[in-house]
Amino acid sequence: MKIRPVLRVTGVICLVVSSAMLLPLCLALWDNSHDAWAFTVSFIVGGGMGLGLWFGLKREARISIGIREGLGITSLSWIAASALGALPYSLGAGVSYTDAFFEAVSGFTTTGATIMTDIEALPRGILLWRSLTHWMGGMGIIVLSLAVLPFLGVSGMEMYKAEVPGLTAEKVTPRLHQTALRLWGVYVFLTLLETVFLMAGGMSLFEAFAHSCSTIATGGFSTRNSSIAGFGPYVQWVIVVFMALSGVNFSLYFLLMAKNLRDFFADEELRAYLWVIALSVLAMSLSLWGANLTLGLEHTIRRTAFHIVSVLTTTGFVAEDYNLWPEFTRFMFILLTFCGACGGSTGGGCKVSRFIILWRKLRGEISGLLHPRAIITSRFNSRPITREVSDGAMSFFVLYFAILATGTLITSAFGLDIVSAFTGVLTCLSNVGPGLHRLGPVENFAWLPGAVKWLFSLCMLAGRLELFAVFLLFWPETYRR
């Protein structure tokens, strides 16, 4: 791995993150709030670090990014962004740096797990920064920077592949920076559109924008202690719709822009994703009816749809304490946490596409046992599933469950009960936010030991970067020529 290009591009990421602090800084100055100095100091530190890394290292006419450099830049950039993003919390909210780093990682990875015990007591600048970390991390800091990096002499498809979640990273346009700009165009449009709809439901501009940033990024940070429970049915339904939209592969929206509805709805992952939502809502609603926990048809469908879409898209918004629901529904939430949204979306989890591919390969293997001489080709979206793709999906699941088991074992050693330990690691690895039991939807992560918070932070980063990018940082061969 070439260290200099990695550090120089990381410097650009630091500049992007520190520049984003100007918006909450302006809001803090407008409110005459005490957190203004925290954002000022953080901006100076981040800007100085970014300029130092970019101009302080040897310059090249054009920085060429290979596989190793792409993985290194992606992983190091997210760590650097989280380290800088933690400064406003540490300086302005009065929390320890461990808690501040956990909150920043949770924000940038769009997990939504929080250590804040009284969110409504925080200044508006801090609240806005929490939502902005979601928004930047949702589409990806790297994808944002790819719109700028070509003009600085940096080329790097490998960075795009390492950062974009899913099985493959397909360019929408021939030029990578055009792809980044168009993806961000869709992202901005959905954010503004949801803001308008939420304001129509009675939200202030500040709350509407903050919740839109969290929704479109499938993050889950709210400006209220009760999350979405404090808002009415209209707001909850709007958020359900936009959470579901954010769980769709963003490249499919270009088909809608081209008015190609046939190919849009022909996508197998999209159809499976919609079926998972529909069947889960039906099953969970029937479970609540059977347990006499229903308050009318609309309320039942809304509460189940809201939490199913929230967990499946790994957003993590909460409208009530589903930790009190029947065991069947809570186990369903665990399965949905595993599943996640579509590849190429802002959601986390294992992705619907990986389950489809493994099912197709399993079905092909069974057919091969029954018909040994037949040539069986498994397909996904009318394309043959290559061995590289199926092996990649299988390797992902092996690594996912290995990290889940190891993380649960380590966490339980610190005294957590097995349900809290397991769902805590699971929700961080899938970037969902709330777990079950002591880490349930109305709880927070503030009471955890410091070592567990650092472990969970690593799990959140690993889950956001599809495991391999972070895992390769600890692989010795990565640094050999």
Protein backbone atom coordinates (compact mmCIF):
# COMPACT_ATOMS: atom_id res chain seq x y z
CA MET A 1 0.00 0.00 0.00
CA LYS A 2 1.27 3.47 -0.90
CA ILE A 3 0.87 5.46 2.29
CA ARG A 4 1.32 8.98 0.88
CA PRO A 5 -1.64 8.92 -1.54
CA VAL A 6 -3.79 7.39 1.20
CA LEU A 7 -2.93 10.17 3.65
CA ARG A 8 -3.33 12.93 1.04
CA VAL A 9 -6.81 11.86 0.00
CA THR A 10 -7.71 11.38 3.67
CA GLY A 11 -6.78 15.03 4.04
CA VAL A 12 -9.47 15.93 1.48
CA ILE A 13 -12.00 13.96 3.53
CA CYS A 14 -10.98 15.92 6.63
CA LEU A 15 -11.60 19.16 4.73
CA VAL A 16 -15.05 17.96 3.66
CA VAL A 17 -16.02 17.02 7.22
CA SER A 18 -14.66 20.23 8.76
CA SER A 19 -16.42 22.34 6.09
CA ALA A 20 -19.71 20.67 7.01
CA MET A 21 -19.29 22.03 10.54
CA LEU A 22 -19.85 25.55 9.26
CA LEU A 23 -23.62 25.00 9.02
CA PRO A 24 -24.13 24.03 12.70
CA LEU A 25 -21.60 26.74 13.62
CA CYS A 26 -23.78 29.37 11.94
CA LEU A 27 -26.86 27.99 13.72
CA ALA A 28 -25.02 28.08 17.05
CA LEU A 29 -24.01 31.69 16.44
CA TRP A 30 -27.59 32.55 15.49
CA ASP A 31 -28.84 30.99 18.72
CA ASN A 32 -25.98 32.59 20.68
CA SER A 33 -25.31 29.11 22.04
CA HIS A 34 -22.27 27.96 24.00
CA ASP A 35 -21.46 25.22 21.46
CA ALA A 36 -20.33 27.81 18.88
CA TRP A 37 -16.77 27.74 20.21
CA ALA A 38 -16.76 23.93 20.04
CA PHE A 39 -17.56 24.01 16.32
CA THR A 40 -15.02 26.80 15.78
CA VAL A 41 -12.22 24.79 17.41
CA SER A 42 -13.31 21.61 15.59
CA PHE A 43 -13.36 23.43 12.25
CA ILE A 44 -9.85 24.81 12.80
CA VAL A 45 -8.48 21.42 13.86
CA GLY A 46 -10.11 19.57 10.97
CA GLY A 47 -9.17 22.19 8.38
CA GLY A 48 -5.60 22.32 9.63
CA MET A 49 -5.29 18.56 9.56
CA GLY A 50 -6.75 18.34 6.05
CA LEU A 51 -4.54 21.10 4.61
CA GLY A 52 -1.50 19.65 6.35
CA LEU A 53 -2.05 16.18 4.88
CA TRP A 54 -2.78 17.50 1.36
CA PHE A 55 -0.02 20.09 1.04
CA GLY A 56 2.47 18.65 3.51
CA LEU A 57 3.13 15.42 1.62
CA LYS A 58 4.92 15.01 -1.70
CA ARG A 59 2.72 16.08 -4.58
CA GLU A 60 2.24 14.07 -7.77
CA ALA A 61 0.82 15.11 -11.12
CA ARG A 62 -1.92 12.50 -10.76
CA ILE A 63 -2.65 10.20 -7.84
CA SER A 64 -3.46 6.71 -9.05
CA ILE A 65 -5.48 4.64 -6.60
CA GLY A 66 -5.18 0.85 -6.68
CA ILE A 67 -7.07 -1.79 -4.73
CA ARG A 68 -4.92 -1.49 -1.61
CA GLU A 69 -4.96 2.30 -1.65
CA GLY A 70 -8.73 2.38 -2.25
CA LEU A 71 -9.40 0.14 0.73
CA GLY A 72 -6.94 2.09 2.87
CA ILE A 73 -8.44 5.46 1.95
CA THR A 74 -11.97 4.24 2.58
CA SER A 75 -11.26 2.79 6.01
CA LEU A 76 -8.92 5.55 7.17
CA SER A 77 -11.28 8.27 5.92
CA TRP A 78 -14.20 6.96 7.97
CA ILE A 79 -12.00 6.69 11.04
CA ALA A 80 -10.65 10.23 10.52
CA ALA A 81 -14.15 11.61 9.90
CA SER A 82 -15.40 10.00 13.11
CA ALA A 83 -12.41 11.28 15.09
CA LEU A 84 -13.05 14.84 13.86
CA GLY A 85 -16.81 14.52 14.13
CA ALA A 86 -16.44 13.58 17.80
CA LEU A 87 -14.86 16.93 18.72
CA PRO A 88 -18.11 18.99 18.82
CA TYR A 89 -19.66 16.41 21.16
CA SER A 90 -16.64 16.31 23.44
CA LEU A 91 -16.20 20.09 23.52
CA GLY A 92 -19.80 21.25 23.21
CA ALA A 93 -21.87 18.52 24.89
CA GLY A 94 -19.51 17.78 27.77
CA VAL A 95 -19.16 14.03 27.20
CA SER A 96 -15.99 11.94 27.32
CA TYR A 97 -14.09 11.39 24.09
CA THR A 98 -15.02 7.69 24.17
CA ASP A 99 -18.71 8.61 24.21
CA ALA A 100 -18.13 11.36 21.64
CA PHE A 101 -16.35 8.98 19.26
CA PHE A 102 -19.12 6.39 19.67
CA GLU A 103 -21.75 9.04 18.84
CA ALA A 104 -19.78 10.25 15.81
CA VAL A 105 -19.24 6.72 14.47
CA SER A 106 -22.92 5.98 15.01
CA GLY A 107 -23.77 9.12 13.06
CA PHE A 108 -21.45 8.65 10.09
CA THR A 109 -22.24 4.93 9.76
CA THR A 110 -25.97 5.79 9.97
CA THR A 111 -26.44 3.40 12.89
CA GLY A 112 -28.35 5.73 15.19
CA ALA A 113 -27.25 4.18 18.50
CA THR A 114 -26.75 7.00 20.97
CA ILE A 115 -25.12 7.69 24.34
CA MET A 116 -27.08 10.93 24.79
CA THR A 117 -29.47 10.63 27.74
CA ASP A 118 -31.34 13.93 27.29
CA ILE A 119 -31.40 14.83 23.61
CA GLU A 120 -33.84 17.72 23.97
CA ALA A 121 -31.42 19.49 26.33
CA LEU A 122 -28.72 19.64 23.64
CA PRO A 123 -28.15 22.89 21.69
CA ARG A 124 -29.62 23.03 18.19
CA GLY A 125 -26.12 23.20 16.70
CA ILE A 126 -25.25 19.80 18.20
CA LEU A 127 -28.59 18.36 17.11
CA LEU A 128 -28.03 19.57 13.57
CA TRP A 129 -24.51 18.13 13.55
CA ARG A 130 -25.90 14.72 14.60
CA SER A 131 -28.25 14.73 11.63
CA LEU A 132 -25.58 16.02 9.22
CA THR A 133 -23.22 13.19 10.16
CA HIS A 134 -26.02 10.83 9.15
CA TRP A 135 -26.60 12.68 5.91
CA MET A 136 -22.94 12.72 4.89
CA GLY A 137 -22.41 9.11 5.87
CA GLY A 138 -25.59 7.87 4.19
CA MET A 139 -24.56 8.30 0.59
CA GLY A 140 -20.95 8.13 1.67
CA ILE A 141 -18.23 10.64 2.34
CA ILE A 142 -16.12 8.94 -0.32
CA VAL A 143 -18.87 9.21 -2.96
CA LEU A 144 -19.23 12.90 -2.11
CA SER A 145 -15.50 13.45 -2.42
CA LEU A 146 -15.36 11.59 -5.74
CA ALA A 147 -17.24 14.52 -7.25
CA VAL A 148 -14.28 16.74 -6.31
CA LEU A 149 -11.24 14.47 -6.38
CA PRO A 150 -10.93 14.19 -10.21
CA PHE A 151 -10.33 17.94 -10.36
CA LEU A 152 -7.46 17.48 -7.88
CA GLY A 153 -5.77 14.84 -10.01
CA VAL A 154 -7.10 11.82 -8.11
CA SER A 155 -8.59 8.82 -9.85
CA GLY A 156 -10.02 5.93 -7.91
CA MET A 157 -12.73 3.50 -8.95
CA GLU A 158 -11.40 1.27 -6.17
CA MET A 159 -12.49 3.84 -3.58
CA TYR A 160 -16.01 3.72 -5.02
CA LYS A 161 -16.06 -0.08 -4.96
CA ALA A 162 -14.80 -0.19 -1.39
CA GLU A 163 -17.34 2.30 -0.08
CA VAL A 164 -20.62 1.67 -1.91
CA PRO A 165 -22.60 -1.04 -0.07
CA GLY A 166 -23.81 -4.09 -1.95
CA LEU A 167 -22.52 -6.90 -4.11
CA THR A 168 -21.19 -4.79 -6.94
CA ALA A 169 -20.57 -1.11 -7.50
CA GLU A 170 -21.80 -0.28 -10.98
CA LYS A 171 -21.14 3.15 -12.40
CA VAL A 172 -24.32 4.86 -13.55
CA THR A 173 -22.36 7.01 -16.00
CA PRO A 174 -19.00 6.40 -17.73
CA ARG A 175 -17.28 9.10 -15.64
CA LEU A 176 -17.05 8.36 -11.95
CA HIS A 177 -17.44 11.96 -10.78
CA GLN A 178 -20.63 12.24 -12.87
CA THR A 179 -21.93 9.12 -11.12
CA ALA A 180 -21.19 10.68 -7.74
CA LEU A 181 -22.89 13.94 -8.70
CA ARG A 182 -26.02 12.23 -10.02
CA LEU A 183 -26.34 9.97 -6.98
CA TRP A 184 -26.01 12.99 -4.72
CA GLY A 185 -28.56 14.81 -6.86
CA VAL A 186 -31.15 12.10 -6.16
CA TYR A 187 -30.12 12.12 -2.51
CA VAL A 188 -30.57 15.88 -2.15
CA PHE A 189 -33.90 15.80 -3.99
CA LEU A 190 -35.35 13.14 -1.66
CA THR A 191 -34.09 15.05 1.39
CA LEU A 192 -35.72 18.30 0.30
CA LEU A 193 -38.92 16.56 -0.75
CA GLU A 194 -39.32 14.88 2.63
CA THR A 195 -38.57 18.17 4.39
CA VAL A 196 -41.48 19.79 2.55
CA PHE A 197 -43.84 16.93 3.44
CA LEU A 198 -42.83 16.97 7.12
CA MET A 199 -43.31 20.73 7.33
CA ALA A 200 -46.78 20.23 5.89
CA GLY A 201 -47.44 17.99 8.91
CA GLY A 202 -46.65 20.75 11.37
CA MET A 203 -42.92 20.27 11.92
CA SER A 204 -40.66 23.32 12.11
CA LEU A 205 -38.08 23.78 9.37
CA PHE A 206 -35.30 22.75 11.74
CA GLU A 207 -36.97 19.53 12.90
CA ALA A 208 -38.19 18.66 9.40
CA PHE A 209 -34.72 19.05 7.90
CA ALA A 210 -33.03 17.18 10.76
CA HIS A 211 -35.42 14.23 10.51
CA SER A 212 -35.17 14.21 6.71
CA CYS A 213 -31.39 13.94 6.91
CA SER A 214 -31.77 11.02 9.30
CA THR A 215 -34.49 9.33 7.25
CA ILE A 216 -32.92 9.51 3.80
CA ALA A 217 -29.60 8.36 5.28
CA THR A 218 -31.48 5.56 7.13
CA GLY A 219 -29.78 6.77 10.30
CA GLY A 220 -32.28 7.25 13.13
CA PHE A 221 -31.07 10.25 15.14
CA SER A 222 -34.00 12.39 16.25
CA THR A 223 -34.28 15.79 17.91
CA ARG A 224 -36.58 14.38 20.59
CA ASN A 225 -36.09 11.93 23.45
CA SER A 226 -39.15 9.97 22.34
CA SER A 227 -37.88 9.75 18.74
CA ILE A 228 -40.93 9.69 16.39
CA ALA A 229 -43.42 8.74 19.11
CA GLY A 230 -44.05 12.42 19.79
CA PHE A 231 -45.41 13.06 16.30
CA GLY A 232 -48.81 12.25 14.81
CA PRO A 233 -49.90 9.59 12.27
CA TYR A 234 -49.28 11.84 9.23
CA VAL A 235 -45.61 12.39 10.12
CA GLN A 236 -45.12 8.70 10.89
CA TRP A 237 -46.58 7.64 7.53
CA VAL A 238 -44.40 10.18 5.68
CA ILE A 239 -41.32 8.80 7.40
CA VAL A 240 -42.38 5.22 6.60
CA VAL A 241 -42.62 6.06 2.90
CA PHE A 242 -39.26 7.83 2.76
CA MET A 243 -37.52 5.14 4.81
CA ALA A 244 -38.79 2.58 2.31
CA LEU A 245 -37.62 4.74 -0.62
CA SER A 246 -34.17 5.09 0.95
CA GLY A 247 -33.85 1.33 1.24
CA VAL A 248 -34.05 0.97 -2.57
CA ASN A 249 -30.92 0.75 -4.74
CA PHE A 250 -30.32 4.39 -5.69
CA SER A 251 -29.18 3.48 -9.19
CA LEU A 252 -32.74 2.31 -9.90
CA TYR A 253 -33.98 5.87 -9.55
CA PHE A 254 -32.23 6.69 -12.80
CA LEU A 255 -34.65 4.30 -14.48
CA LEU A 256 -37.51 6.33 -13.03
CA MET A 257 -35.91 9.53 -14.27
CA ALA A 258 -35.79 7.94 -17.72
CA LYS A 259 -39.46 6.91 -17.29
CA ASN A 260 -38.45 3.25 -17.56
CA LEU A 261 -40.98 1.87 -15.10
CA ARG A 262 -40.87 -1.63 -16.57
CA ASP A 263 -37.19 -2.19 -15.80
CA PHE A 264 -37.54 -0.46 -12.43
CA PHE A 265 -40.18 -2.88 -11.15
CA ALA A 266 -38.52 -5.81 -12.94
CA ASP A 267 -35.58 -5.62 -10.55
CA GLU A 268 -35.67 -8.85 -8.54
CA GLU A 269 -34.10 -7.37 -5.43
CA LEU A 270 -36.66 -4.55 -5.34
CA ARG A 271 -39.56 -6.96 -5.67
CA ALA A 272 -38.17 -9.22 -2.93
CA TYR A 273 -37.62 -6.18 -0.71
CA LEU A 274 -41.26 -5.09 -1.13
CA TRP A 275 -42.50 -8.64 -0.50
CA VAL A 276 -40.48 -8.83 2.73
CA ILE A 277 -42.10 -5.61 3.93
CA ALA A 278 -45.64 -6.70 3.00
CA LEU A 279 -45.41 -10.20 4.49
CA SER A 280 -43.70 -8.95 7.65
CA VAL A 281 -46.40 -6.33 8.22
CA LEU A 282 -49.09 -8.99 7.78
CA ALA A 283 -47.42 -11.52 10.10
CA MET A 284 -46.61 -8.99 12.81
CA SER A 285 -50.08 -7.41 12.70
CA LEU A 286 -51.68 -10.84 13.15
CA SER A 287 -49.33 -11.51 16.07
CA LEU A 288 -50.36 -8.27 17.78
CA TRP A 289 -54.03 -9.04 17.16
CA GLY A 290 -53.54 -12.47 18.73
CA ALA A 291 -51.89 -10.93 21.79
CA ASN A 292 -54.69 -8.33 22.14
CA LEU A 293 -52.19 -5.50 21.66
CA THR A 294 -54.09 -3.71 18.90
CA LEU A 295 -55.77 -0.32 19.00
CA GLY A 296 -57.66 -0.31 15.73
CA LEU A 297 -56.77 -1.36 12.19
CA GLU A 298 -54.97 1.82 11.09
CA HIS A 299 -52.94 2.08 14.29
CA THR A 300 -51.94 -1.60 14.10
CA ILE A 301 -50.82 -1.40 10.49
CA ARG A 302 -49.02 1.90 11.10
CA ARG A 303 -47.11 0.72 14.18
CA THR A 304 -46.04 -2.54 12.51
CA ALA A 305 -45.21 -0.94 9.16
CA PHE A 306 -43.24 1.82 10.85
CA HIS A 307 -41.03 -0.47 12.92
CA ILE A 308 -40.63 -3.13 10.23
CA VAL A 309 -39.49 -0.59 7.65
CA SER A 310 -37.35 1.17 10.27
CA VAL A 311 -35.51 -2.04 11.19
CA LEU A 312 -35.34 -3.52 7.68
CA THR A 313 -33.89 -0.34 6.20
CA THR A 314 -31.64 -0.10 9.29
CA THR A 315 -32.96 3.39 10.08
CA GLY A 316 -33.72 2.76 13.73
CA PHE A 317 -36.47 5.34 14.34
CA VAL A 318 -38.82 4.34 17.16
CA ALA A 319 -42.52 5.11 17.65
CA GLU A 320 -43.08 2.92 20.73
CA ASP A 321 -41.36 0.30 22.89
CA TYR A 322 -41.58 -2.88 20.82
CA ASN A 323 -39.46 -4.57 23.50
CA LEU A 324 -42.84 -5.21 25.19
CA TRP A 325 -44.33 -6.94 22.15
CA PRO A 326 -44.72 -10.75 21.85
CA GLU A 327 -41.63 -12.95 21.45
CA PHE A 328 -42.61 -13.76 17.85
CA THR A 329 -42.44 -10.12 16.81
CA ARG A 330 -39.13 -9.53 18.58
CA PHE A 331 -37.58 -12.51 16.82
CA MET A 332 -38.87 -11.11 13.55
CA PHE A 333 -37.02 -7.89 14.32
CA ILE A 334 -33.82 -9.90 14.77
CA LEU A 335 -34.33 -11.54 11.34
CA LEU A 336 -35.04 -8.16 9.72
CA THR A 337 -31.89 -6.76 11.33
CA PHE A 338 -29.91 -9.54 9.67
CA CYS A 339 -31.56 -8.94 6.32
CA GLY A 340 -31.15 -5.21 5.76
CA ALA A 341 -32.22 -3.24 2.73
CA CYS A 342 -31.21 -3.37 -0.95
CA GLY A 343 -27.62 -3.21 -2.17
CA GLY A 344 -26.65 0.26 -3.37
CA SER A 345 -28.99 1.93 -0.84
CA THR A 346 -28.11 3.88 2.27
CA GLY A 347 -29.21 0.94 4.44
CA GLY A 348 -27.01 -1.60 6.17
CA GLY A 349 -27.40 -5.26 6.99
CA CYS A 350 -26.51 -8.24 4.83
CA LYS A 351 -28.61 -6.91 1.89
CA VAL A 352 -31.57 -8.59 0.21
CA SER A 353 -29.53 -9.34 -2.92
CA ARG A 354 -27.11 -11.60 -1.03
CA PHE A 355 -29.98 -13.72 0.31
CA ILE A 356 -31.43 -14.03 -3.20
CA ILE A 357 -28.09 -15.10 -4.64
CA LEU A 358 -27.44 -17.68 -1.92
CA TRP A 359 -30.96 -19.07 -2.34
CA ARG A 360 -30.50 -19.35 -6.11
CA LYS A 361 -27.16 -21.12 -5.67
CA LEU A 362 -28.64 -23.47 -3.06
CA ARG A 363 -31.53 -24.28 -5.38
CA GLY A 364 -29.05 -24.92 -8.18
CA GLU A 365 -26.99 -27.25 -5.99
CA ILE A 366 -30.10 -29.25 -5.04
CA SER A 367 -31.15 -29.49 -8.69
CA GLY A 368 -27.62 -30.64 -9.54
CA LEU A 369 -27.93 -33.51 -7.07
CA LEU A 370 -31.16 -34.62 -8.71
CA HIS A 371 -29.85 -34.13 -12.26
CA PRO A 372 -26.08 -34.79 -12.20
CA ARG A 373 -25.63 -34.40 -15.98
CA ALA A 374 -27.62 -31.18 -16.30
CA ILE A 375 -25.90 -27.82 -16.81
CA ILE A 376 -27.62 -25.53 -14.35
CA THR A 377 -27.04 -21.79 -14.48
CA SER A 378 -28.36 -19.69 -11.60
CA ARG A 379 -29.43 -16.18 -12.55
CA PHE A 380 -30.10 -12.90 -10.81
CA ASN A 381 -31.81 -10.09 -12.72
CA SER A 382 -31.48 -12.18 -15.90
CA ARG A 383 -27.70 -12.33 -15.50
CA PRO A 384 -25.75 -15.51 -14.70
CA ILE A 385 -24.49 -15.60 -11.13
CA THR A 386 -20.75 -15.97 -11.50
CA ARG A 387 -18.66 -17.96 -9.08
CA GLU A 388 -16.94 -14.74 -8.01
CA VAL A 389 -20.26 -13.21 -6.95
CA SER A 390 -21.56 -16.29 -5.13
CA ASP A 391 -18.22 -16.85 -3.37
CA GLY A 392 -18.18 -13.20 -2.35
CA ALA A 393 -21.68 -13.47 -0.87
CA MET A 394 -20.77 -16.64 1.00
CA SER A 395 -17.53 -15.12 2.29
CA PHE A 396 -19.46 -12.09 3.52
CA PHE A 397 -21.84 -14.26 5.54
CA VAL A 398 -18.98 -16.30 7.03
CA LEU A 399 -17.14 -13.15 8.10
CA TYR A 400 -20.37 -11.52 9.31
CA PHE A 401 -21.28 -14.39 11.62
CA ALA A 402 -17.68 -14.79 12.78
CA ILE A 403 -17.59 -11.13 13.86
CA LEU A 404 -21.07 -11.45 15.40
CA ALA A 405 -20.10 -14.50 17.45
CA THR A 406 -16.75 -13.07 18.54
CA GLY A 407 -18.25 -9.69 19.41
CA THR A 408 -21.05 -11.31 21.44
CA LEU A 409 -18.54 -13.46 23.33
CA ILE A 410 -16.37 -10.46 24.20
CA THR A 411 -19.35 -8.28 25.14
CA SER A 412 -20.85 -10.93 27.42
CA ALA A 413 -17.50 -11.12 29.23
CA PHE A 414 -18.18 -7.58 30.46
CA GLY A 415 -21.33 -8.73 32.27
CA LEU A 416 -24.04 -8.07 29.67
CA ASP A 417 -26.86 -10.58 29.45
CA ILE A 418 -26.86 -12.70 26.31
CA VAL A 419 -29.84 -10.95 24.66
CA SER A 420 -28.36 -7.47 25.17
CA ALA A 421 -24.89 -8.62 24.12
CA PHE A 422 -26.08 -10.45 20.99
CA THR A 423 -28.53 -7.80 19.77
CA GLY A 424 -26.07 -5.03 20.67
CA VAL A 425 -23.37 -6.45 18.40
CA LEU A 426 -25.96 -7.35 15.77
CA THR A 427 -27.54 -3.90 15.65
CA CYS A 428 -24.13 -2.21 15.41
CA LEU A 429 -22.87 -4.62 12.76
CA SER A 430 -26.03 -4.08 10.69
CA ASN A 431 -26.12 -0.32 11.47
CA VAL A 432 -29.68 -0.43 12.84
CA GLY A 433 -29.42 1.33 16.22
CA PRO A 434 -31.79 -0.12 18.82
CA GLY A 435 -31.46 -3.72 19.96
CA LEU A 436 -33.44 -5.63 22.56
CA HIS A 437 -33.63 -5.89 26.35
CA ARG A 438 -31.20 -3.41 28.00
CA LEU A 439 -30.35 -1.94 24.58
CA GLY A 440 -33.96 -1.78 23.45
CA PRO A 441 -35.79 0.96 21.56
CA VAL A 442 -36.34 3.22 24.58
CA GLU A 443 -32.88 2.62 26.08
CA ASN A 444 -29.48 4.02 25.10
CA PHE A 445 -25.84 2.91 25.09
CA ALA A 446 -24.54 5.36 27.72
CA TRP A 447 -24.31 2.75 30.51
CA LEU A 448 -21.99 0.42 28.59
CA PRO A 449 -18.35 0.04 29.69
CA GLY A 450 -15.87 2.09 27.67
CA ALA A 451 -14.25 -0.99 26.13
CA VAL A 452 -17.62 -2.22 24.85
CA LYS A 453 -18.29 1.17 23.26
CA TRP A 454 -15.00 0.98 21.36
CA LEU A 455 -15.84 -2.57 20.27
CA PHE A 456 -19.29 -1.47 19.10
CA SER A 457 -17.70 1.46 17.25
CA LEU A 458 -15.48 -0.97 15.36
CA CYS A 459 -18.51 -3.14 14.56
CA MET A 460 -20.39 -0.11 13.20
CA LEU A 461 -17.46 0.84 10.95
CA ALA A 462 -17.05 -2.74 9.76
CA GLY A 463 -20.75 -3.06 8.97
CA ARG A 464 -20.90 0.24 7.09
CA LEU A 465 -17.88 -0.66 4.96
CA GLU A 466 -19.13 -4.16 4.14
CA LEU A 467 -16.68 -5.84 6.55
CA PHE A 468 -13.82 -6.48 4.13
CA ALA A 469 -12.47 -2.92 3.91
CA VAL A 470 -11.96 -2.77 7.68
CA PHE A 471 -10.87 -6.40 7.96
CA LEU A 472 -8.09 -5.89 5.40
CA LEU A 473 -6.56 -3.16 7.56
CA PHE A 474 -5.53 -5.93 9.96
CA TRP A 475 -4.33 -8.26 7.19
CA PRO A 476 -0.49 -8.21 6.95
CA GLU A 477 -0.46 -8.88 3.19
CA THR A 478 -2.23 -5.55 2.60
CA TYR A 479 1.00 -3.71 3.37
CA ARG A 480 3.40 -5.95 1.42
CA ARG A 481 4.55 -5.18 -2.08
